[in-house]
């Protein structure tokens, strides 16, 4: 999955694996890219500790009871040995408050970054969730759901291990959407058709799609989990290009319905559109970005 997510990218993945004997006990995922976009294949290099389409937590899993700070430093030392003095530094993104002591240190630059969102699920259906929203949001959301349901020209499909979608079409729509969110300080890597092909075939990935005839208008993907599923990639054509209004809100109703039916306890919804997500009952989880210069690595 990690390799396929970089198939169309100028960056390359770096996966650190922590072992306990022959057993894999933990891992940390990162992106190795040029410090400047015009020099992506030459030093200086930046190790960006993040993975494509992941925005809910740091991209590491550390063994329970282990010295996480030392494990992360050992990863930095291994990266420095691999890339030599061409490695200019390490940037840790999506660092939650509890994880901050693992990467913050003297010489590191710590700044606020866009946080993520989550909602605790305590209902047996989406109707229970809608009933907890404010009066205005509740009435608006119900009108939006009804409008989509009554649109006779709109084909809505949902399910796991989808074989009826074109990965290249999903990648094209996602790239258009991600380009509006990307910046020089927070670059968003394009997700390749190979990545979507790998996702679509998985039983633990649930996909929602909206079509008008043969034309894909929008899609949403959920990284399914019995306790804490994550709302992953979302992309839609804007109305001026033939898209439909209200699909984004309809997607939340369907995703909450799917998660509650499976007995999930929490739903993660990633970064961005925080005010909208708060109006839908999500809470905001602050995050930091930590930049470690070469001299402070390890």
Protein backbone atom coordinates (compact mmCIF):
# COMPACT_ATOMS: atom_id res chain seq x y z
CA UNK A 1 0.00 0.00 0.00
CA UNK A 2 2.76 2.45 0.91
CA UNK A 3 4.69 1.73 -2.29
CA UNK A 4 1.61 2.15 -4.47
CA UNK A 5 0.75 5.50 -2.87
CA UNK A 6 4.00 6.94 -4.28
CA UNK A 7 3.68 5.55 -7.81
CA UNK A 8 2.91 9.01 -9.30
CA UNK A 9 4.92 11.11 -6.86
CA UNK A 10 8.21 13.00 -6.90
CA UNK A 11 8.79 11.83 -3.31
CA UNK A 12 9.78 8.40 -2.00
CA UNK A 13 8.67 6.51 1.11
CA UNK A 14 10.93 5.52 3.96
CA UNK A 15 9.63 2.89 6.37
CA UNK A 16 11.40 2.24 9.63
CA UNK A 17 10.64 -1.09 11.31
CA UNK A 18 11.27 -1.91 14.98
CA UNK A 19 11.84 -5.59 15.71
CA UNK A 20 11.75 -7.71 18.82
CA UNK A 21 13.72 -10.72 17.65
CA UNK A 22 11.95 -11.95 14.53
CA UNK A 23 8.73 -10.16 15.44
CA UNK A 24 7.82 -6.76 13.99
CA UNK A 25 7.01 -4.70 17.10
CA UNK A 26 6.50 -1.24 15.60
CA UNK A 27 6.99 1.00 12.58
CA UNK A 28 7.33 4.61 11.49
CA UNK A 29 6.43 5.92 8.03
CA UNK A 30 7.92 8.96 6.30
CA UNK A 31 8.36 10.70 2.97
CA UNK A 32 11.80 11.59 1.63
CA UNK A 33 11.66 14.60 -0.67
CA UNK A 34 13.75 17.46 -1.92
CA UNK A 35 13.95 20.52 0.27
CA UNK A 36 12.93 22.58 -2.76
CA UNK A 37 10.51 21.29 -5.43
CA UNK A 38 12.94 22.17 -8.23
CA UNK A 39 15.64 19.93 -6.73
CA UNK A 40 13.67 16.85 -5.77
CA UNK A 41 16.32 14.36 -6.93
CA UNK A 42 19.33 16.03 -5.30
CA UNK A 43 20.35 17.05 -1.78
CA UNK A 44 19.42 18.70 0.44
CA UNK A 45 16.72 16.24 1.40
CA UNK A 46 13.95 16.53 3.97
CA UNK A 47 12.47 13.61 5.85
CA UNK A 48 8.77 14.37 6.22
CA UNK A 49 7.24 12.03 8.81
CA UNK A 50 3.80 11.57 7.29
CA UNK A 51 2.12 9.26 4.80
CA UNK A 52 -0.29 10.11 1.97
CA UNK A 53 -3.99 10.21 2.87
CA UNK A 54 -3.21 9.97 6.59
CA UNK A 55 -4.10 12.95 8.77
CA UNK A 56 -5.51 11.73 12.08
CA UNK A 57 -2.40 10.92 14.12
CA UNK A 58 1.39 10.61 13.86
CA UNK A 59 2.49 8.01 11.35
CA UNK A 60 4.17 5.72 13.81
CA UNK A 61 3.22 2.73 15.91
CA UNK A 62 5.47 2.10 18.89
CA UNK A 63 5.62 -1.05 21.03
CA UNK A 64 3.70 -0.76 24.27
CA UNK A 65 5.99 -0.09 27.20
CA UNK A 66 8.99 0.79 25.04
CA UNK A 67 10.99 4.01 25.25
CA UNK A 68 9.28 5.74 22.34
CA UNK A 69 11.59 8.73 22.40
CA UNK A 70 14.66 6.53 22.04
CA UNK A 71 13.04 4.46 19.27
CA UNK A 72 12.27 7.59 17.26
CA UNK A 73 15.81 8.88 17.80
CA UNK A 74 17.15 5.52 16.56
CA UNK A 75 15.03 5.95 13.42
CA UNK A 76 16.55 9.41 12.90
CA UNK A 77 20.08 8.04 13.30
CA UNK A 78 19.36 5.30 10.76
CA UNK A 79 17.98 7.89 8.30
CA UNK A 80 21.04 10.12 8.81
CA UNK A 81 23.32 7.16 8.12
CA UNK A 82 21.34 6.32 4.98
CA UNK A 83 21.29 9.82 3.46
CA UNK A 84 24.44 11.32 4.95
CA UNK A 85 24.87 15.07 5.13
CA UNK A 86 22.39 15.47 2.30
CA UNK A 87 19.66 15.13 4.93
CA UNK A 88 18.80 18.67 6.03
CA UNK A 89 16.32 17.73 8.75
CA UNK A 90 13.21 15.88 9.86
CA UNK A 91 9.69 17.28 10.02
CA UNK A 92 7.09 15.54 12.19
CA UNK A 93 3.51 16.32 11.21
CA UNK A 94 0.16 15.54 12.83
CA UNK A 95 1.82 15.41 16.25
CA UNK A 96 -0.84 15.16 18.94
CA UNK A 97 -0.27 16.71 22.36
CA UNK A 98 0.46 13.35 24.09
CA UNK A 99 3.05 12.52 21.40
CA UNK A 100 4.83 15.89 21.52
CA UNK A 101 7.44 14.89 24.17
CA UNK A 102 8.60 12.07 21.88
CA UNK A 103 9.90 14.45 19.19
CA UNK A 104 10.30 17.95 20.73
CA UNK A 105 13.82 18.89 21.86
CA UNK A 106 16.32 21.70 22.10
CA UNK A 107 16.82 23.23 18.68
CA UNK A 108 13.53 21.98 17.26
CA UNK A 109 10.92 24.38 15.91
CA UNK A 110 7.43 23.61 17.26
CA UNK A 111 4.40 25.27 15.69
CA UNK A 112 0.64 24.82 15.63
CA UNK A 113 -0.68 22.94 12.62
CA UNK A 114 -4.20 22.13 11.47
CA UNK A 115 -5.68 19.62 13.88
CA UNK A 116 -7.82 16.60 13.22
CA UNK A 117 -11.43 15.83 14.14
CA UNK A 118 -13.18 12.92 15.79
CA UNK A 119 -16.67 12.06 16.96
CA UNK A 120 -17.65 9.61 19.66
CA UNK A 121 -20.41 7.33 18.43
CA UNK A 122 -23.09 6.40 20.93
CA UNK A 123 -26.11 5.78 18.72
CA UNK A 124 -27.62 2.79 17.01
CA UNK A 125 -28.33 4.68 13.77
CA UNK A 126 -27.59 7.89 11.89
CA UNK A 127 -30.99 9.26 13.00
CA UNK A 128 -29.77 9.22 16.60
CA UNK A 129 -26.72 11.27 15.58
CA UNK A 130 -28.76 13.78 13.58
CA UNK A 131 -31.06 14.29 16.54
CA UNK A 132 -28.12 15.59 18.63
CA UNK A 133 -27.23 18.39 16.19
CA UNK A 134 -28.33 22.00 16.44
CA UNK A 135 -31.79 22.83 15.16
CA UNK A 136 -30.51 24.63 12.06
CA UNK A 137 -27.95 21.99 11.16
CA UNK A 138 -30.44 19.19 11.83
CA UNK A 139 -33.12 20.63 9.55
CA UNK A 140 -30.62 21.56 6.83
CA UNK A 141 -28.98 18.13 6.87
CA UNK A 142 -32.31 16.36 6.62
CA UNK A 143 -33.26 18.51 3.61
CA UNK A 144 -29.92 17.74 1.98
CA UNK A 145 -30.28 14.00 2.55
CA UNK A 146 -33.83 14.06 1.16
CA UNK A 147 -32.76 16.08 -1.90
CA UNK A 148 -30.06 13.53 -2.76
CA UNK A 149 -32.40 10.59 -2.17
CA UNK A 150 -35.02 12.09 -4.49
CA UNK A 151 -32.60 12.91 -7.32
CA UNK A 152 -33.64 10.35 -9.90
CA UNK A 153 -30.61 11.08 -12.08
CA UNK A 154 -28.11 10.36 -9.32
CA UNK A 155 -26.72 6.86 -8.78
CA UNK A 156 -25.34 6.29 -5.27
CA UNK A 157 -23.43 3.11 -4.48
CA UNK A 158 -21.56 2.01 -1.37
CA UNK A 159 -19.71 -1.05 -0.17
CA UNK A 160 -16.40 -2.78 0.45
CA UNK A 161 -14.11 -4.40 -2.12
CA UNK A 162 -15.63 -2.36 -4.93
CA UNK A 163 -14.86 -3.63 -8.44
CA UNK A 164 -17.09 -1.23 -10.36
CA UNK A 165 -14.94 1.91 -10.06
CA UNK A 166 -12.06 3.11 -12.24
CA UNK A 167 -8.94 3.78 -10.09
CA UNK A 168 -7.60 6.26 -12.66
CA UNK A 169 -10.85 8.24 -12.53
CA UNK A 170 -10.68 8.38 -8.74
CA UNK A 171 -7.04 9.50 -8.86
CA UNK A 172 -7.83 12.30 -11.32
CA UNK A 173 -10.71 13.61 -9.24
CA UNK A 174 -8.66 13.36 -6.04
CA UNK A 175 -5.72 15.26 -7.57
CA UNK A 176 -7.99 18.17 -8.56
CA UNK A 177 -9.40 18.28 -5.05
CA UNK A 178 -6.03 17.98 -3.26
CA UNK A 179 -4.45 20.73 -5.40
CA UNK A 180 -6.80 23.26 -3.78
CA UNK A 181 -5.55 22.29 -0.30
CA UNK A 182 -1.84 21.90 -0.93
CA UNK A 183 0.73 24.58 -0.06
CA UNK A 184 4.51 24.91 0.02
CA UNK A 185 4.47 24.41 3.81
CA UNK A 186 1.98 21.53 3.70
CA UNK A 187 2.38 19.76 0.35
CA UNK A 188 -0.19 17.11 -0.51
CA UNK A 189 1.19 14.23 -2.55
CA UNK A 190 -0.99 13.09 -5.45
CA UNK A 191 -2.49 9.66 -4.89
CA UNK A 192 -1.84 7.34 -7.81
CA UNK A 193 -4.26 5.06 -9.69
CA UNK A 194 -2.21 2.16 -8.29
CA UNK A 195 -3.02 3.30 -4.77
CA UNK A 196 -6.75 3.50 -5.44
CA UNK A 197 -6.65 0.13 -7.20
CA UNK A 198 -5.07 -1.41 -4.11
CA UNK A 199 -7.61 0.26 -1.80
CA UNK A 200 -10.68 -0.67 -3.84
CA UNK A 201 -9.90 -4.37 -3.65
CA UNK A 202 -9.73 -4.47 0.15
CA UNK A 203 -12.50 -5.76 2.38
CA UNK A 204 -11.51 -3.25 5.08
CA UNK A 205 -11.98 -0.23 2.79
CA UNK A 206 -15.55 1.02 2.34
CA UNK A 207 -16.22 3.25 -0.67
CA UNK A 208 -19.14 5.56 -1.40
CA UNK A 209 -19.64 6.89 -4.94
CA UNK A 210 -22.00 9.30 -6.69
CA UNK A 211 -22.55 9.08 -10.46
CA UNK A 212 -24.66 10.90 -13.02
CA UNK A 213 -24.87 8.40 -15.83
CA UNK A 214 -21.29 7.28 -16.44
CA UNK A 215 -19.81 10.45 -14.94
CA UNK A 216 -18.25 10.22 -11.48
CA UNK A 217 -19.35 13.25 -9.46
CA UNK A 218 -17.85 12.42 -6.06
CA UNK A 219 -16.50 9.64 -3.92
CA UNK A 220 -15.54 9.01 -0.31
CA UNK A 221 -13.44 6.22 1.18
CA UNK A 222 -13.40 4.95 4.74
CA UNK A 223 -10.52 3.01 6.23
CA UNK A 224 -12.72 0.59 8.10
CA UNK A 225 -12.04 -0.50 11.64
CA UNK A 226 -14.37 -2.19 14.13
CA UNK A 227 -13.75 0.50 16.79
CA UNK A 228 -12.40 3.64 15.10
CA UNK A 229 -12.93 3.93 11.32
CA UNK A 230 -11.36 6.87 9.48
CA UNK A 231 -12.93 9.01 6.78
CA UNK A 232 -10.19 8.95 4.13
CA UNK A 233 -10.05 10.52 0.67
CA UNK A 234 -13.00 12.65 -0.43
CA UNK A 235 -13.19 14.38 -3.79
CA UNK A 236 -16.03 15.94 -5.78
CA UNK A 237 -16.61 17.92 -8.94
CA UNK A 238 -17.69 21.49 -8.13
CA UNK A 239 -21.23 22.39 -9.27
CA UNK A 240 -19.89 24.65 -12.02
CA UNK A 241 -18.20 21.59 -13.55
CA UNK A 242 -21.29 19.40 -13.41
CA UNK A 243 -21.15 18.35 -9.77
CA UNK A 244 -23.98 18.41 -7.22
CA UNK A 245 -24.44 20.43 -4.09
CA UNK A 246 -24.96 18.65 -0.78
CA UNK A 247 -23.00 15.47 -1.62
CA UNK A 248 -20.40 16.21 1.06
CA UNK A 249 -23.05 16.38 3.78
CA UNK A 250 -24.89 13.35 2.44
CA UNK A 251 -21.62 11.41 2.64
CA UNK A 252 -21.40 12.04 6.38
CA UNK A 253 -24.90 10.71 6.94
CA UNK A 254 -24.05 7.53 5.06
CA UNK A 255 -20.65 7.10 6.73
CA UNK A 256 -22.08 7.61 10.23
CA UNK A 257 -24.83 5.10 9.37
CA UNK A 258 -22.20 2.59 8.22
CA UNK A 259 -20.02 3.12 11.32
CA UNK A 260 -22.87 2.89 13.83
CA UNK A 261 -24.27 -0.23 12.15
CA UNK A 262 -20.86 -1.86 12.60
CA UNK A 263 -20.76 -0.90 16.29
CA UNK A 264 -17.84 1.54 16.00
CA UNK A 265 -17.10 3.79 18.99
CA UNK A 266 -15.31 6.69 17.26
CA UNK A 267 -15.15 8.17 13.79
CA UNK A 268 -12.14 10.18 12.62
CA UNK A 269 -12.70 12.78 9.92
CA UNK A 270 -9.26 14.28 9.34
CA UNK A 271 -8.26 17.90 8.95
CA UNK A 272 -9.90 20.78 7.12
CA UNK A 273 -13.43 22.23 7.16
CA UNK A 274 -13.26 22.25 10.95
CA UNK A 275 -16.22 24.60 11.46
CA UNK A 276 -18.40 22.42 9.26
CA UNK A 277 -17.33 19.27 11.06
CA UNK A 278 -17.95 20.85 14.45
CA UNK A 279 -21.49 21.66 13.34
CA UNK A 280 -21.84 17.95 12.54
CA UNK A 281 -20.83 16.94 16.05
CA UNK A 282 -17.10 16.40 15.67
CA UNK A 283 -14.62 17.63 18.24
CA UNK A 284 -11.33 19.27 17.33
CA UNK A 285 -8.02 17.66 18.37
CA UNK A 286 -5.09 20.13 18.19
CA UNK A 287 -1.86 19.08 16.54
CA UNK A 288 1.66 20.41 16.17
CA UNK A 289 4.35 20.29 13.51
CA UNK A 290 7.90 19.78 14.79
CA UNK A 291 10.90 20.59 12.58
CA UNK A 292 14.24 19.12 13.70
CA UNK A 293 17.38 20.53 12.02
CA UNK A 294 20.17 18.21 10.94
CA UNK A 295 22.41 19.03 13.90
CA UNK A 296 19.69 18.02 16.41
CA UNK A 297 18.83 14.69 14.74
CA UNK A 298 19.31 11.57 16.85
